[in-house]
Amino acid sequence: MSKDFDVEQLQSKLQTITTAIDTLVSSHQGNSQAVLFILRTLEHSHREIRENLFQEALPDNRQELYALVKDIEESGGWPYIERMKLRSLLANWLDGSESN
């Protein structure tokens, strides 16, 4: 597996992006349509990276593939964007409407 990148520089850039997303979401707090749009955009970005960039960068030999799988297992597993289940959405809505 290729580790020819500056991890600290990458972490710094990702932290900047994360902070920008947090700020954006905070500015739309309480607006379910805006937050849903942000979630859909993040999901789309995740899919694009996974399908177009990650798959192209997969190792082409067993040793590198093993190293990648080992890194995935040791570093927290596969990245996943969880979707809220409709039942949870309705349960949260019912809880909120009953308290009003």
C-alpha atoms as a PDB file:
ATOM      1  CA  MET A   1       0.000   0.000   0.000  1.00  0.00           C
ATOM      2  CA  SER A   2       1.302   3.405  -0.943  1.00  0.00           C
ATOM      3  CA  LYS A   3       1.890   5.720   1.996  1.00  0.00           C
ATOM      4  CA  ASP A   4       3.632   8.407  -0.031  1.00  0.00           C
ATOM      5  CA  PHE A   5       1.550  11.270   1.345  1.00  0.00           C
ATOM      6  CA  ASP A   6       1.978  13.667   4.225  1.00  0.00           C
ATOM      7  CA  VAL A   7      -0.527  12.428   6.826  1.00  0.00           C
ATOM      8  CA  GLU A   8      -0.310  15.589   8.929  1.00  0.00           C
ATOM      9  CA  GLN A   9      -0.935  17.820   5.905  1.00  0.00           C
ATOM     10  CA  LEU A  10      -3.896  15.653   4.854  1.00  0.00           C
ATOM     11  CA  GLN A  11      -5.322  15.703   8.392  1.00  0.00           C
ATOM     12  CA  SER A  12      -4.980  19.489   8.498  1.00  0.00           C
ATOM     13  CA  LYS A  13      -6.802  19.922   5.176  1.00  0.00           C
ATOM     14  CA  LEU A  14      -9.549  17.518   6.250  1.00  0.00           C
ATOM     15  CA  GLN A  15      -9.946  19.350   9.561  1.00  0.00           C
ATOM     16  CA  THR A  16     -10.412  22.600   7.630  1.00  0.00           C
ATOM     17  CA  ILE A  17     -13.119  20.951   5.514  1.00  0.00           C
ATOM     18  CA  THR A  18     -14.768  19.425   8.595  1.00  0.00           C
ATOM     19  CA  THR A  19     -14.820  22.797  10.334  1.00  0.00           C
ATOM     20  CA  ALA A  20     -16.402  24.401   7.246  1.00  0.00           C
ATOM     21  CA  ILE A  21     -19.086  21.689   7.147  1.00  0.00           C
ATOM     22  CA  ASP A  22     -19.768  22.084  10.880  1.00  0.00           C
ATOM     23  CA  THR A  23     -20.132  25.847  10.405  1.00  0.00           C
ATOM     24  CA  LEU A  24     -22.446  25.356   7.431  1.00  0.00           C
ATOM     25  CA  VAL A  25     -24.656  22.883   9.299  1.00  0.00           C
ATOM     26  CA  SER A  26     -24.764  25.129  12.372  1.00  0.00           C
ATOM     27  CA  SER A  27     -25.907  28.048  10.235  1.00  0.00           C
ATOM     28  CA  HIS A  28     -28.859  25.930   9.065  1.00  0.00           C
ATOM     29  CA  GLN A  29     -29.722  24.383  12.439  1.00  0.00           C
ATOM     30  CA  GLY A  30     -33.461  23.855  12.669  1.00  0.00           C
ATOM     31  CA  ASN A  31     -33.921  23.854   8.884  1.00  0.00           C
ATOM     32  CA  SER A  32     -34.494  20.174   8.086  1.00  0.00           C
ATOM     33  CA  GLN A  33     -34.550  20.721   4.305  1.00  0.00           C
ATOM     34  CA  ALA A  34     -31.197  22.523   4.289  1.00  0.00           C
ATOM     35  CA  VAL A  35     -29.563  19.940   6.575  1.00  0.00           C
ATOM     36  CA  LEU A  36     -30.987  17.124   4.449  1.00  0.00           C
ATOM     37  CA  PHE A  37     -29.509  18.788   1.353  1.00  0.00           C
ATOM     38  CA  ILE A  38     -26.107  18.945   3.088  1.00  0.00           C
ATOM     39  CA  LEU A  39     -26.372  15.251   4.037  1.00  0.00           C
ATOM     40  CA  ARG A  40     -27.271  14.308   0.455  1.00  0.00           C
ATOM     41  CA  THR A  41     -24.313  16.291  -0.858  1.00  0.00           C
ATOM     42  CA  LEU A  42     -21.943  14.564   1.569  1.00  0.00           C
ATOM     43  CA  GLU A  43     -23.361  11.173   0.610  1.00  0.00           C
ATOM     44  CA  HIS A  44     -22.884  11.998  -3.078  1.00  0.00           C
ATOM     45  CA  SER A  45     -19.275  13.021  -2.462  1.00  0.00           C
ATOM     46  CA  HIS A  46     -18.659   9.807  -0.525  1.00  0.00           C
ATOM     47  CA  ARG A  47     -20.094   7.727  -3.381  1.00  0.00           C
ATOM     48  CA  GLU A  48     -18.067   9.582  -6.026  1.00  0.00           C
ATOM     49  CA  ILE A  49     -14.819   9.141  -4.095  1.00  0.00           C
ATOM     50  CA  ARG A  50     -15.525   5.461  -3.433  1.00  0.00           C
ATOM     51  CA  GLU A  51     -16.636   4.534  -6.945  1.00  0.00           C
ATOM     52  CA  ASN A  52     -14.311   6.658  -9.031  1.00  0.00           C
ATOM     53  CA  LEU A  53     -11.145   7.371  -7.074  1.00  0.00           C
ATOM     54  CA  PHE A  54     -10.855   4.655  -4.441  1.00  0.00           C
ATOM     55  CA  GLN A  55     -11.611   1.757  -6.758  1.00  0.00           C
ATOM     56  CA  GLU A  56      -9.038   3.005  -9.257  1.00  0.00           C
ATOM     57  CA  ALA A  57      -6.443   3.238  -6.482  1.00  0.00           C
ATOM     58  CA  LEU A  58      -6.942  -0.320  -5.202  1.00  0.00           C
ATOM     59  CA  PRO A  59      -3.788  -2.425  -5.004  1.00  0.00           C
ATOM     60  CA  ASP A  60      -2.922  -4.731  -7.871  1.00  0.00           C
ATOM     61  CA  ASN A  61      -1.051  -7.351  -5.877  1.00  0.00           C
ATOM     62  CA  ARG A  62      -1.784  -9.528  -2.855  1.00  0.00           C
ATOM     63  CA  GLN A  63       0.746  -7.977  -0.501  1.00  0.00           C
ATOM     64  CA  GLU A  64      -0.585  -4.454  -1.013  1.00  0.00           C
ATOM     65  CA  LEU A  65      -4.179  -5.676  -0.811  1.00  0.00           C
ATOM     66  CA  TYR A  66      -3.406  -7.470   2.455  1.00  0.00           C
ATOM     67  CA  ALA A  67      -1.782  -4.306   3.825  1.00  0.00           C
ATOM     68  CA  LEU A  68      -4.850  -2.258   2.845  1.00  0.00           C
ATOM     69  CA  VAL A  69      -7.287  -4.699   4.464  1.00  0.00           C
ATOM     70  CA  LYS A  70      -5.122  -4.830   7.584  1.00  0.00           C
ATOM     71  CA  ASP A  71      -5.072  -1.016   7.724  1.00  0.00           C
ATOM     72  CA  ILE A  72      -8.871  -0.903   7.341  1.00  0.00           C
ATOM     73  CA  GLU A  73      -9.281  -3.362  10.229  1.00  0.00           C
ATOM     74  CA  GLU A  74      -6.773  -1.593  12.484  1.00  0.00           C
ATOM     75  CA  SER A  75      -7.914   1.945  11.719  1.00  0.00           C
ATOM     76  CA  GLY A  76     -11.599   1.718  12.454  1.00  0.00           C
ATOM     77  CA  GLY A  77     -13.137  -0.238   9.623  1.00  0.00           C
ATOM     78  CA  TRP A  78     -14.789   0.745   6.405  1.00  0.00           C
ATOM     79  CA  PRO A  79     -16.077   4.317   6.071  1.00  0.00           C
ATOM     80  CA  TYR A  80     -19.842   4.301   6.101  1.00  0.00           C
ATOM     81  CA  ILE A  81     -22.477   6.997   5.938  1.00  0.00           C
ATOM     82  CA  GLU A  82     -25.436   5.748   7.915  1.00  0.00           C
ATOM     83  CA  ARG A  83     -28.912   6.695   6.819  1.00  0.00           C
ATOM     84  CA  MET A  84     -31.585   7.412   9.347  1.00  0.00           C
ATOM     85  CA  LYS A  85     -34.268   4.774   9.252  1.00  0.00           C
ATOM     86  CA  LEU A  86     -37.772   6.001   8.492  1.00  0.00           C
ATOM     87  CA  ARG A  87     -38.986   4.475  11.767  1.00  0.00           C
ATOM     88  CA  SER A  88     -36.430   6.503  13.710  1.00  0.00           C
ATOM     89  CA  LEU A  89     -37.429   9.640  11.847  1.00  0.00           C
ATOM     90  CA  LEU A  90     -41.095   9.054  12.676  1.00  0.00           C
ATOM     91  CA  ALA A  91     -40.327   8.130  16.298  1.00  0.00           C
ATOM     92  CA  ASN A  92     -38.327  11.356  16.737  1.00  0.00           C
ATOM     93  CA  TRP A  93     -41.142  13.331  15.158  1.00  0.00           C
ATOM     94  CA  LEU A  94     -43.748  11.689  17.396  1.00  0.00           C
ATOM     95  CA  ASP A  95     -41.656  12.320  20.513  1.00  0.00           C
ATOM     96  CA  GLY A  96     -41.285  15.963  19.538  1.00  0.00           C
ATOM     97  CA  SER A  97     -44.956  16.441  18.719  1.00  0.00           C
ATOM     98  CA  GLU A  98     -46.138  14.811  21.959  1.00  0.00           C
ATOM     99  CA  SER A  99     -44.001  17.123  24.082  1.00  0.00           C
ATOM    100  CA  ASN A 100     -45.567  20.223  22.486  1.00  0.00           C
END
